[in-house]
Amino acid sequence: MHKVLRGETTLRQSNNLYDWLGKGIYFWEHAPERALEWAQAKQRRAGKAVSDAAVLGAIIELGRCFDLLDLRFTSLLSEAHRLLVETIRAQGGEVPANPEPDDDQDVIMRYLDCAVINFAIDAASEVAGRGQVYDTVRGAFEEGPPAFPGACVRQRTHIQVAVKNPECIIGYFRPTGLEVDS
C-alpha cells in the first residue's frame, strides 16, 4: 500500500476466471469498512497476520462505464451470454458456470458472470474497431445474510468497480477511521 501511495508501484489488474465484473483493478465504492473486512478475511485464509490487512482508497473517474446499475448495459448481457455459449460450443469447449447458491454460502466465485462480461466488453471493442471501449465496470454485489427476517436486502451488499483503464485512477489515499484488529 505504501509503495502505491508513494508512486513507486501500481496496482495489478485481477484476471481470475471468477472475478464477477471481469478483468480489472477492483474497488469497493464508498465502503472502506467492507473492503477492510474482505482484506482481513483474505489474510486469515492465507494464514497471515490480520494486522497486515490494509485498505487503499482511490479517486476514480469512471469514464466510459459498463454500469450494471443501468438497464442500458444489463439488457446487453442476455445477447452476450447467447453469443458466448454459441462460440464456446462451436469450439467444443465447456461453458463456465456459477456455483449454485445455498443458504449458508454466498456465491463468490462467479465464473459465468466473468466470462459473459468479458465477452460483452471484448465484443464491443471489436465492433468499435479500436482498443478497449470501456474504462470501468460497476455493479452491486449482493452478499451476506438477510438484513432482517424475510428481507431481500442483504447485510453485506456493496457496489464494486473494476477499473480496466488504469488512467481512470486519478490518485490514491489512505482512508481514515479504519481500525485493524489482530
N, C-alpha and C. Protein backbone atom coordinates (compact mmCIF):
# COMPACT_ATOMS: atom_id res chain seq x y z
N MET A 1 0.82 -1.19 0.00
CA MET A 1 0.00 0.00 0.00
C MET A 1 0.87 1.26 0.00
N HIS A 2 1.89 1.27 0.85
CA HIS A 2 2.72 2.47 0.96
C HIS A 2 3.47 2.77 -0.34
N LYS A 3 3.90 1.72 -1.04
CA LYS A 3 4.60 1.93 -2.32
C LYS A 3 3.65 2.54 -3.36
N VAL A 4 2.39 2.13 -3.34
CA VAL A 4 1.41 2.71 -4.27
C VAL A 4 1.19 4.17 -3.92
N LEU A 5 1.03 4.47 -2.63
CA LEU A 5 0.82 5.86 -2.20
C LEU A 5 2.01 6.75 -2.57
N ARG A 6 3.21 6.20 -2.53
CA ARG A 6 4.41 6.97 -2.88
C ARG A 6 4.66 7.00 -4.39
N GLY A 7 3.86 6.29 -5.16
CA GLY A 7 4.04 6.26 -6.61
C GLY A 7 5.15 5.35 -7.08
N GLU A 8 5.63 4.45 -6.21
CA GLU A 8 6.72 3.55 -6.56
C GLU A 8 6.25 2.32 -7.31
N THR A 9 4.96 2.01 -7.22
CA THR A 9 4.39 0.86 -7.92
C THR A 9 2.93 1.15 -8.22
N THR A 10 2.35 0.32 -9.05
CA THR A 10 0.93 0.47 -9.37
C THR A 10 0.20 -0.82 -8.98
N LEU A 11 -1.10 -0.72 -8.92
CA LEU A 11 -1.90 -1.91 -8.62
C LEU A 11 -1.99 -2.78 -9.86
N ARG A 12 -2.03 -4.09 -9.62
CA ARG A 12 -2.15 -5.04 -10.73
C ARG A 12 -3.61 -5.34 -11.02
N GLN A 13 -3.89 -5.56 -12.28
CA GLN A 13 -5.22 -5.95 -12.70
C GLN A 13 -5.47 -7.41 -12.32
N SER A 14 -6.64 -7.68 -11.76
CA SER A 14 -7.03 -9.06 -11.47
C SER A 14 -7.58 -9.68 -12.75
N ASN A 15 -7.20 -10.91 -12.99
CA ASN A 15 -7.63 -11.59 -14.21
C ASN A 15 -8.07 -13.02 -13.90
N ASN A 16 -8.68 -13.20 -12.72
CA ASN A 16 -9.16 -14.52 -12.33
C ASN A 16 -10.40 -14.89 -13.14
N LEU A 17 -10.59 -16.16 -13.39
CA LEU A 17 -11.75 -16.63 -14.15
C LEU A 17 -13.06 -16.44 -13.40
N TYR A 18 -13.00 -16.13 -12.12
CA TYR A 18 -14.19 -15.98 -11.30
C TYR A 18 -14.49 -14.54 -10.89
N ASP A 19 -13.69 -13.58 -11.32
CA ASP A 19 -13.91 -12.18 -10.97
C ASP A 19 -15.20 -11.70 -11.62
N TRP A 20 -16.20 -11.46 -10.83
CA TRP A 20 -17.56 -11.27 -11.33
C TRP A 20 -17.73 -10.10 -12.29
N LEU A 21 -16.92 -9.08 -12.21
CA LEU A 21 -17.01 -7.95 -13.14
C LEU A 21 -15.98 -8.06 -14.27
N GLY A 22 -15.36 -9.20 -14.38
CA GLY A 22 -14.35 -9.40 -15.42
C GLY A 22 -13.00 -8.86 -14.98
N LYS A 23 -12.11 -8.72 -15.96
CA LYS A 23 -10.76 -8.24 -15.70
C LYS A 23 -10.80 -6.81 -15.17
N GLY A 24 -9.90 -6.50 -14.23
CA GLY A 24 -9.83 -5.13 -13.74
C GLY A 24 -9.17 -5.03 -12.38
N ILE A 25 -8.96 -3.79 -11.97
CA ILE A 25 -8.46 -3.48 -10.64
C ILE A 25 -9.71 -3.18 -9.81
N TYR A 26 -9.95 -3.98 -8.77
CA TYR A 26 -11.22 -3.93 -8.04
C TYR A 26 -11.20 -2.96 -6.86
N PHE A 27 -12.31 -2.23 -6.73
CA PHE A 27 -12.52 -1.30 -5.62
C PHE A 27 -13.95 -1.43 -5.10
N TRP A 28 -14.12 -1.17 -3.81
CA TRP A 28 -15.44 -1.03 -3.22
C TRP A 28 -15.80 0.45 -3.29
N GLU A 29 -17.00 0.75 -3.73
CA GLU A 29 -17.45 2.14 -3.82
C GLU A 29 -18.04 2.57 -2.48
N HIS A 30 -17.46 3.58 -1.86
CA HIS A 30 -17.93 4.15 -0.60
C HIS A 30 -18.10 3.10 0.49
N ALA A 31 -17.21 2.12 0.57
CA ALA A 31 -17.34 1.05 1.57
C ALA A 31 -15.97 0.60 2.09
N PRO A 32 -15.20 1.51 2.69
CA PRO A 32 -13.88 1.09 3.17
C PRO A 32 -13.96 0.04 4.28
N GLU A 33 -15.02 0.07 5.08
CA GLU A 33 -15.17 -0.94 6.14
C GLU A 33 -15.33 -2.33 5.53
N ARG A 34 -16.13 -2.44 4.47
CA ARG A 34 -16.33 -3.74 3.82
C ARG A 34 -15.03 -4.19 3.14
N ALA A 35 -14.30 -3.24 2.56
CA ALA A 35 -13.01 -3.57 1.95
C ALA A 35 -12.03 -4.10 3.00
N LEU A 36 -12.02 -3.48 4.17
CA LEU A 36 -11.14 -3.94 5.23
C LEU A 36 -11.55 -5.33 5.71
N GLU A 37 -12.84 -5.55 5.85
CA GLU A 37 -13.35 -6.86 6.25
C GLU A 37 -12.88 -7.94 5.26
N TRP A 38 -12.97 -7.63 3.97
CA TRP A 38 -12.53 -8.56 2.93
C TRP A 38 -11.02 -8.81 3.04
N ALA A 39 -10.25 -7.74 3.21
CA ALA A 39 -8.79 -7.87 3.31
C ALA A 39 -8.40 -8.70 4.53
N GLN A 40 -9.09 -8.50 5.65
CA GLN A 40 -8.79 -9.28 6.85
C GLN A 40 -9.12 -10.76 6.64
N ALA A 41 -10.24 -11.04 6.01
CA ALA A 41 -10.61 -12.44 5.73
C ALA A 41 -9.59 -13.09 4.80
N LYS A 42 -9.11 -12.33 3.81
CA LYS A 42 -8.10 -12.87 2.89
C LYS A 42 -6.81 -13.18 3.65
N GLN A 43 -6.42 -12.31 4.57
CA GLN A 43 -5.22 -12.54 5.39
C GLN A 43 -5.39 -13.82 6.21
N ARG A 44 -6.57 -13.99 6.83
CA ARG A 44 -6.83 -15.18 7.64
C ARG A 44 -6.71 -16.45 6.80
N ARG A 45 -7.34 -16.42 5.59
CA ARG A 45 -7.29 -17.60 4.71
C ARG A 45 -5.86 -17.94 4.32
N ALA A 46 -5.02 -16.93 4.19
CA ALA A 46 -3.62 -17.15 3.80
C ALA A 46 -2.74 -17.47 5.00
N GLY A 47 -3.31 -17.45 6.21
CA GLY A 47 -2.54 -17.73 7.41
C GLY A 47 -1.61 -16.60 7.80
N LYS A 48 -1.93 -15.39 7.39
CA LYS A 48 -1.10 -14.23 7.69
C LYS A 48 -1.74 -13.39 8.79
N ALA A 49 -0.98 -12.47 9.33
CA ALA A 49 -1.47 -11.60 10.40
C ALA A 49 -2.56 -10.67 9.87
N VAL A 50 -3.67 -10.63 10.55
CA VAL A 50 -4.78 -9.76 10.16
C VAL A 50 -4.36 -8.30 10.25
N SER A 51 -3.44 -8.00 11.16
CA SER A 51 -2.98 -6.62 11.32
C SER A 51 -2.26 -6.11 10.08
N ASP A 52 -1.85 -7.01 9.19
CA ASP A 52 -1.20 -6.60 7.93
C ASP A 52 -2.22 -6.19 6.87
N ALA A 53 -3.51 -6.43 7.12
CA ALA A 53 -4.55 -6.06 6.15
C ALA A 53 -4.63 -4.55 6.05
N ALA A 54 -4.88 -4.06 4.86
CA ALA A 54 -4.94 -2.61 4.65
C ALA A 54 -5.97 -2.28 3.57
N VAL A 55 -6.41 -1.04 3.60
CA VAL A 55 -7.34 -0.54 2.59
C VAL A 55 -6.71 0.68 1.94
N LEU A 56 -6.77 0.71 0.64
CA LEU A 56 -6.26 1.82 -0.14
C LEU A 56 -7.43 2.48 -0.84
N GLY A 57 -7.65 3.74 -0.59
CA GLY A 57 -8.71 4.48 -1.27
C GLY A 57 -8.22 5.01 -2.60
N ALA A 58 -9.14 5.24 -3.51
CA ALA A 58 -8.76 5.77 -4.82
C ALA A 58 -9.82 6.76 -5.30
N ILE A 59 -9.36 7.75 -6.00
CA ILE A 59 -10.25 8.67 -6.68
C ILE A 59 -10.30 8.18 -8.13
N ILE A 60 -11.50 7.78 -8.55
CA ILE A 60 -11.65 7.14 -9.86
C ILE A 60 -12.62 7.93 -10.71
N GLU A 61 -12.21 8.23 -11.91
CA GLU A 61 -13.09 8.80 -12.93
C GLU A 61 -13.61 7.60 -13.72
N LEU A 62 -14.90 7.32 -13.62
CA LEU A 62 -15.44 6.11 -14.26
C LEU A 62 -15.27 6.10 -15.77
N GLY A 63 -15.16 7.24 -16.40
CA GLY A 63 -15.01 7.29 -17.85
C GLY A 63 -16.17 6.58 -18.53
N ARG A 64 -15.87 5.81 -19.56
CA ARG A 64 -16.91 5.01 -20.22
C ARG A 64 -17.12 3.77 -19.37
N CYS A 65 -18.24 3.78 -18.65
CA CYS A 65 -18.50 2.73 -17.66
C CYS A 65 -19.57 1.76 -18.15
N PHE A 66 -19.26 0.49 -18.09
CA PHE A 66 -20.24 -0.58 -18.34
C PHE A 66 -20.93 -0.78 -17.00
N ASP A 67 -21.99 -0.02 -16.78
CA ASP A 67 -22.62 0.12 -15.47
C ASP A 67 -23.79 -0.85 -15.32
N LEU A 68 -23.61 -1.86 -14.48
CA LEU A 68 -24.63 -2.88 -14.28
C LEU A 68 -25.76 -2.39 -13.37
N LEU A 69 -25.73 -1.12 -13.02
CA LEU A 69 -26.84 -0.50 -12.31
C LEU A 69 -27.71 0.28 -13.31
N ASP A 70 -27.42 0.14 -14.58
CA ASP A 70 -28.10 0.85 -15.66
C ASP A 70 -28.67 -0.17 -16.64
N LEU A 71 -29.94 -0.10 -16.89
CA LEU A 71 -30.64 -1.03 -17.78
C LEU A 71 -30.03 -1.08 -19.19
N ARG A 72 -29.44 0.02 -19.65
CA ARG A 72 -28.82 0.01 -20.98
C ARG A 72 -27.74 -1.05 -21.09
N PHE A 73 -27.08 -1.33 -19.99
CA PHE A 73 -25.98 -2.30 -20.01
C PHE A 73 -26.44 -3.70 -19.62
N THR A 74 -27.29 -3.81 -18.62
CA THR A 74 -27.75 -5.15 -18.23
C THR A 74 -28.57 -5.79 -19.34
N SER A 75 -29.23 -4.97 -20.15
CA SER A 75 -30.02 -5.54 -21.26
C SER A 75 -29.12 -6.15 -22.33
N LEU A 76 -27.85 -5.79 -22.38
CA LEU A 76 -26.91 -6.35 -23.35
C LEU A 76 -26.42 -7.74 -22.94
N LEU A 77 -26.55 -8.07 -21.68
CA LEU A 77 -25.94 -9.29 -21.17
C LEU A 77 -26.60 -10.57 -21.69
N SER A 78 -27.91 -10.53 -21.92
CA SER A 78 -28.61 -11.72 -22.42
C SER A 78 -28.07 -12.12 -23.80
N GLU A 79 -27.92 -11.15 -24.67
CA GLU A 79 -27.39 -11.43 -26.01
C GLU A 79 -25.92 -11.84 -25.93
N ALA A 80 -25.15 -11.18 -25.06
CA ALA A 80 -23.74 -11.55 -24.90
C ALA A 80 -23.64 -12.99 -24.41
N HIS A 81 -24.50 -13.39 -23.49
CA HIS A 81 -24.50 -14.76 -22.98
C HIS A 81 -24.80 -15.75 -24.11
N ARG A 82 -25.82 -15.44 -24.89
CA ARG A 82 -26.20 -16.33 -26.00
C ARG A 82 -25.03 -16.50 -26.97
N LEU A 83 -24.40 -15.41 -27.36
CA LEU A 83 -23.28 -15.47 -28.30
C LEU A 83 -22.06 -16.17 -27.70
N LEU A 84 -21.81 -15.95 -26.43
CA LEU A 84 -20.69 -16.63 -25.76
C LEU A 84 -20.92 -18.14 -25.76
N VAL A 85 -22.11 -18.57 -25.39
CA VAL A 85 -22.43 -20.00 -25.36
C VAL A 85 -22.27 -20.61 -26.75
N GLU A 86 -22.77 -19.92 -27.78
CA GLU A 86 -22.63 -20.41 -29.16
C GLU A 86 -21.16 -20.55 -29.53
N THR A 87 -20.38 -19.54 -29.20
CA THR A 87 -18.95 -19.53 -29.54
C THR A 87 -18.22 -20.66 -28.84
N ILE A 88 -18.45 -20.83 -27.56
CA ILE A 88 -17.77 -21.88 -26.80
C ILE A 88 -18.15 -23.26 -27.32
N ARG A 89 -19.43 -23.46 -27.55
CA ARG A 89 -19.89 -24.77 -28.02
C ARG A 89 -19.36 -25.07 -29.42
N ALA A 90 -19.29 -24.05 -30.28
CA ALA A 90 -18.75 -24.25 -31.63
C ALA A 90 -17.28 -24.66 -31.59
N GLN A 91 -16.58 -24.23 -30.55
CA GLN A 91 -15.17 -24.58 -30.38
C GLN A 91 -14.99 -25.87 -29.57
N GLY A 92 -16.12 -26.47 -29.17
CA GLY A 92 -16.07 -27.72 -28.40
C GLY A 92 -15.69 -27.54 -26.95
N GLY A 93 -15.82 -26.31 -26.46
CA GLY A 93 -15.46 -26.04 -25.06
C GLY A 93 -16.63 -26.20 -24.10
N GLU A 94 -16.33 -26.01 -22.85
CA GLU A 94 -17.33 -26.11 -21.80
C GLU A 94 -17.71 -24.71 -21.32
N VAL A 95 -18.99 -24.43 -21.26
CA VAL A 95 -19.48 -23.13 -20.83
C VAL A 95 -19.25 -23.02 -19.31
N PRO A 96 -18.62 -21.92 -18.86
CA PRO A 96 -18.42 -21.75 -17.42
C PRO A 96 -19.77 -21.66 -16.69
N ALA A 97 -19.77 -22.01 -15.43
CA ALA A 97 -20.99 -21.94 -14.63
C ALA A 97 -20.68 -21.32 -13.28
N ASN A 98 -21.64 -20.58 -12.76
CA ASN A 98 -21.54 -20.09 -11.39
C ASN A 98 -21.98 -21.23 -10.47
N PRO A 99 -21.39 -21.34 -9.31
CA PRO A 99 -21.86 -22.37 -8.37
C PRO A 99 -23.30 -22.09 -7.95
N GLU A 100 -24.00 -23.14 -7.60
CA GLU A 100 -25.37 -22.98 -7.09
C GLU A 100 -25.31 -22.36 -5.70
N PRO A 101 -26.11 -21.32 -5.47
CA PRO A 101 -26.11 -20.74 -4.11
C PRO A 101 -26.79 -21.68 -3.13
N ASP A 102 -26.34 -21.63 -1.89
CA ASP A 102 -27.06 -22.33 -0.84
C ASP A 102 -27.28 -21.35 0.31
N ASP A 103 -28.03 -21.75 1.28
CA ASP A 103 -28.42 -20.84 2.36
C ASP A 103 -27.25 -20.35 3.20
N ASP A 104 -26.19 -21.14 3.26
CA ASP A 104 -25.08 -20.79 4.14
C ASP A 104 -23.90 -20.13 3.42
N GLN A 105 -23.90 -20.13 2.12
CA GLN A 105 -22.72 -19.68 1.39
C GLN A 105 -23.10 -18.70 0.29
N ASP A 106 -22.42 -17.57 0.26
CA ASP A 106 -22.60 -16.62 -0.84
C ASP A 106 -21.91 -17.16 -2.09
N VAL A 107 -22.40 -16.78 -3.24
CA VAL A 107 -21.75 -17.16 -4.49
C VAL A 107 -20.67 -16.12 -4.77
N ILE A 108 -19.46 -16.47 -4.42
CA ILE A 108 -18.33 -15.56 -4.58
C ILE A 108 -17.62 -15.81 -5.92
N MET A 109 -17.43 -17.05 -6.26
CA MET A 109 -16.74 -17.41 -7.49
C MET A 109 -17.76 -17.39 -8.63
N ARG A 110 -17.74 -16.34 -9.42
CA ARG A 110 -18.77 -16.15 -10.44
C ARG A 110 -18.16 -16.31 -11.84
N TYR A 111 -17.89 -17.54 -12.18
CA TYR A 111 -17.22 -17.88 -13.45
C TYR A 111 -18.03 -17.44 -14.67
N LEU A 112 -19.32 -17.74 -14.67
CA LEU A 112 -20.16 -17.40 -15.81
C LEU A 112 -20.30 -15.89 -15.95
N ASP A 113 -20.55 -15.19 -14.84
CA ASP A 113 -20.67 -13.73 -14.90
C ASP A 113 -19.41 -13.11 -15.49
N CYS A 114 -18.26 -13.57 -15.02
CA CYS A 114 -16.98 -13.06 -15.51
C CYS A 114 -16.84 -13.27 -17.01
N ALA A 115 -17.13 -14.49 -17.46
CA ALA A 115 -16.99 -14.80 -18.89
C ALA A 115 -17.93 -13.96 -19.74
N VAL A 116 -19.17 -13.79 -19.31
CA VAL A 116 -20.15 -13.02 -20.09
C VAL A 116 -19.76 -11.54 -20.15
N ILE A 117 -19.36 -10.98 -19.02
CA ILE A 117 -18.99 -9.56 -19.01
C ILE A 117 -17.73 -9.33 -19.83
N ASN A 118 -16.72 -10.17 -19.68
CA ASN A 118 -15.51 -10.04 -20.52
C ASN A 118 -15.86 -10.16 -21.99
N PHE A 119 -16.73 -11.12 -22.33
CA PHE A 119 -17.14 -11.33 -23.72
C PHE A 119 -17.86 -10.09 -24.26
N ALA A 120 -18.80 -9.55 -23.48
CA ALA A 120 -19.56 -8.37 -23.92
C ALA A 120 -18.64 -7.18 -24.17
N ILE A 121 -17.69 -6.98 -23.28
CA ILE A 121 -16.78 -5.84 -23.42
C ILE A 121 -15.81 -6.05 -24.57
N ASP A 122 -15.29 -7.27 -24.71
CA ASP A 122 -14.40 -7.57 -25.84
C ASP A 122 -15.13 -7.42 -27.17
N ALA A 123 -16.39 -7.88 -27.22
CA ALA A 123 -17.19 -7.75 -28.46
C ALA A 123 -17.44 -6.29 -28.80
N ALA A 124 -17.72 -5.48 -27.79
CA ALA A 124 -17.94 -4.05 -28.04
C ALA A 124 -16.68 -3.40 -28.58
N SER A 125 -15.52 -3.82 -28.09
CA SER A 125 -14.25 -3.28 -28.58
C SER A 125 -14.01 -3.69 -30.03
N GLU A 126 -14.34 -4.94 -30.36
CA GLU A 126 -14.18 -5.41 -31.74
C GLU A 126 -15.10 -4.65 -32.70
N VAL A 127 -16.35 -4.48 -32.29
CA VAL A 127 -17.31 -3.76 -33.14
C VAL A 127 -16.85 -2.32 -33.37
N ALA A 128 -16.29 -1.71 -32.33
CA ALA A 128 -15.82 -0.33 -32.45
C ALA A 128 -14.55 -0.25 -33.28
N GLY A 129 -13.87 -1.38 -33.45
CA GLY A 129 -12.66 -1.41 -34.27
C GLY A 129 -11.48 -0.69 -33.64
N ARG A 130 -11.49 -0.60 -32.34
CA ARG A 130 -10.35 0.04 -31.67
C ARG A 130 -10.10 -0.69 -30.37
N GLY A 131 -9.18 -0.17 -29.57
CA GLY A 131 -8.86 -0.79 -28.28
C GLY A 131 -10.05 -0.83 -27.35
N GLN A 132 -9.76 -1.02 -26.13
CA GLN A 132 -10.81 -1.17 -25.12
C GLN A 132 -11.80 0.00 -25.15
N VAL A 133 -13.07 -0.34 -25.23
CA VAL A 133 -14.13 0.66 -25.31
C VAL A 133 -14.55 1.14 -23.91
N TYR A 134 -14.53 0.24 -22.93
CA TYR A 134 -14.98 0.59 -21.58
C TYR A 134 -13.80 0.71 -20.65
N ASP A 135 -13.83 1.77 -19.84
CA ASP A 135 -12.78 2.04 -18.88
C ASP A 135 -13.01 1.32 -17.55
N THR A 136 -14.28 1.18 -17.19
CA THR A 136 -14.64 0.60 -15.90
C THR A 136 -15.90 -0.25 -16.04
N VAL A 137 -16.10 -1.13 -15.06
CA VAL A 137 -17.34 -1.89 -14.92
C VAL A 137 -17.79 -1.68 -13.48
N ARG A 138 -19.09 -1.46 -13.30
CA ARG A 138 -19.61 -1.17 -11.97
C ARG A 138 -20.86 -2.00 -11.72
N GLY A 139 -20.98 -2.57 -10.51
CA GLY A 139 -22.17 -3.36 -10.21
C GLY A 139 -22.39 -3.53 -8.72
N ALA A 140 -23.61 -3.87 -8.35
CA ALA A 140 -23.97 -4.14 -6.95
C ALA A 140 -23.79 -5.63 -6.68
N PHE A 141 -23.08 -5.95 -5.65
CA PHE A 141 -22.79 -7.33 -5.26
C PHE A 141 -23.60 -7.64 -4.01
N GLU A 142 -24.64 -8.44 -4.19
CA GLU A 142 -25.46 -8.83 -3.05
C GLU A 142 -24.74 -9.93 -2.29
N GLU A 143 -24.61 -9.71 -0.98
CA GLU A 143 -23.80 -10.63 -0.19
C GLU A 143 -24.26 -10.63 1.25
N GLY A 144 -24.10 -11.76 1.89
CA GLY A 144 -24.39 -11.87 3.31
C GLY A 144 -25.80 -12.34 3.59
N PRO A 145 -26.10 -12.53 4.86
CA PRO A 145 -27.43 -12.99 5.25
C PRO A 145 -28.46 -11.86 5.09
N PRO A 146 -29.74 -12.20 5.11
CA PRO A 146 -30.78 -11.16 5.05
C PRO A 146 -30.58 -10.15 6.19
N ALA A 147 -30.88 -8.89 5.91
CA ALA A 147 -30.71 -7.83 6.91
C ALA A 147 -31.68 -7.99 8.08
N PHE A 148 -32.80 -8.65 7.82
CA PHE A 148 -33.80 -8.93 8.85
C PHE A 148 -34.64 -10.09 8.35
N PRO A 149 -35.39 -10.77 9.21
CA PRO A 149 -36.18 -11.92 8.76
C PRO A 149 -37.12 -11.58 7.60
N GLY A 150 -37.04 -12.38 6.53
CA GLY A 150 -37.87 -12.17 5.36
C GLY A 150 -37.37 -11.12 4.39
N ALA A 151 -36.22 -10.50 4.68
CA ALA A 151 -35.70 -9.42 3.84
C ALA A 151 -35.07 -9.94 2.56
N CYS A 152 -35.18 -9.14 1.51
CA CYS A 152 -34.41 -9.37 0.29
C CYS A 152 -33.10 -8.58 0.35
N VAL A 153 -33.03 -7.60 1.22
CA VAL A 153 -31.82 -6.80 1.41
C VAL A 153 -30.81 -7.65 2.17
N ARG A 154 -29.56 -7.67 1.68
CA ARG A 154 -28.52 -8.48 2.30
C ARG A 154 -27.59 -7.58 3.11
N GLN A 155 -27.10 -8.07 4.23
CA GLN A 155 -26.31 -7.27 5.17
C GLN A 155 -25.00 -6.74 4.58
N ARG A 156 -24.39 -7.46 3.67
CA ARG A 156 -23.06 -7.06 3.19
C ARG A 156 -23.07 -6.65 1.72
N THR A 157 -24.23 -6.29 1.19
CA THR A 157 -24.31 -5.83 -0.20
C THR A 157 -23.46 -4.57 -0.37
N HIS A 158 -22.77 -4.50 -1.48
CA HIS A 158 -21.91 -3.35 -1.74
C HIS A 158 -21.79 -3.14 -3.26
N ILE A 159 -21.28 -1.99 -3.62
CA ILE A 159 -21.03 -1.69 -5.03
C ILE A 159 -19.53 -1.84 -5.27
N GLN A 160 -19.20 -2.55 -6.34
CA GLN A 160 -17.80 -2.69 -6.71
C GLN A 160 -17.57 -2.05 -8.08
N VAL A 161 -16.35 -1.62 -8.27
CA VAL A 161 -15.91 -1.06 -9.54
C VAL A 161 -14.65 -1.81 -9.95
N ALA A 162 -14.64 -2.30 -11.19
CA ALA A 162 -13.44 -2.90 -11.76
C ALA A 162 -12.88 -1.91 -12.77
N VAL A 163 -11.70 -1.41 -12.51
CA VAL A 163 -11.07 -0.43 -13.39
C VAL A 163 -10.27 -1.20 -14.44
N LYS A 164 -10.63 -1.02 -15.70
CA LYS A 164 -9.93 -1.66 -16.81
C LYS A 164 -8.83 -0.75 -17.34
N ASN A 165 -9.08 0.53 -17.31
CA ASN A 165 -8.12 1.51 -17.79
C ASN A 165 -7.50 2.22 -16.58
N PRO A 166 -6.25 1.88 -16.21
CA PRO A 166 -5.63 2.47 -15.02
C PRO A 166 -5.53 4.00 -15.06
N GLU A 167 -5.62 4.60 -16.24
CA GLU A 167 -5.58 6.06 -16.32
C GLU A 167 -6.80 6.70 -15.68
N CYS A 168 -7.84 5.90 -15.41
CA CYS A 168 -9.04 6.42 -14.74
C CYS A 168 -8.82 6.58 -13.23
N ILE A 169 -7.73 6.03 -12.73
CA ILE A 169 -7.40 6.20 -11.31
C ILE A 169 -6.63 7.51 -11.18
N ILE A 170 -7.32 8.51 -10.64
CA ILE A 170 -6.74 9.86 -10.54
C ILE A 170 -5.68 9.93 -9.45
N GLY A 171 -5.93 9.24 -8.35
CA GLY A 171 -4.98 9.25 -7.23
C GLY A 171 -5.42 8.29 -6.15
N TYR A 172 -4.54 8.10 -5.19
CA TYR A 172 -4.78 7.18 -4.08
C TYR A 172 -4.74 7.94 -2.77
N PHE A 173 -5.37 7.36 -1.74
CA PHE A 173 -5.31 7.92 -0.40
C PHE A 173 -5.53 6.79 0.60
N ARG A 174 -5.17 7.07 1.84
CA ARG A 174 -5.41 6.10 2.92
C ARG A 174 -6.66 6.57 3.67
N PRO A 175 -7.75 5.77 3.64
CA PRO A 175 -8.95 6.19 4.36
C PRO A 175 -8.70 6.31 5.86
N THR A 176 -9.32 7.29 6.46
CA THR A 176 -9.16 7.47 7.90
C THR A 176 -10.26 6.75 8.65
N GLY A 177 -10.00 6.48 9.93
CA GLY A 177 -11.03 5.91 10.78
C GLY A 177 -11.22 4.42 10.71
N LEU A 178 -10.35 3.71 9.99
CA LEU A 178 -10.48 2.26 9.92
C LEU A 178 -9.60 1.63 10.98
N GLU A 179 -10.21 0.76 11.77
CA GLU A 179 -9.47 0.05 12.82
C GLU A 179 -9.14 -1.35 12.35
N VAL A 180 -7.89 -1.73 12.44
CA VAL A 180 -7.46 -3.08 12.12
C VAL A 180 -7.30 -3.81 13.43
N ASP A 181 -8.07 -4.90 13.62
CA ASP A 181 -7.90 -5.68 14.83
C ASP A 181 -7.13 -6.95 14.53
N SER A 182 -6.27 -7.32 15.46
CA SER A 182 -5.44 -8.50 15.22
C SER A 182 -5.99 -9.73 15.86
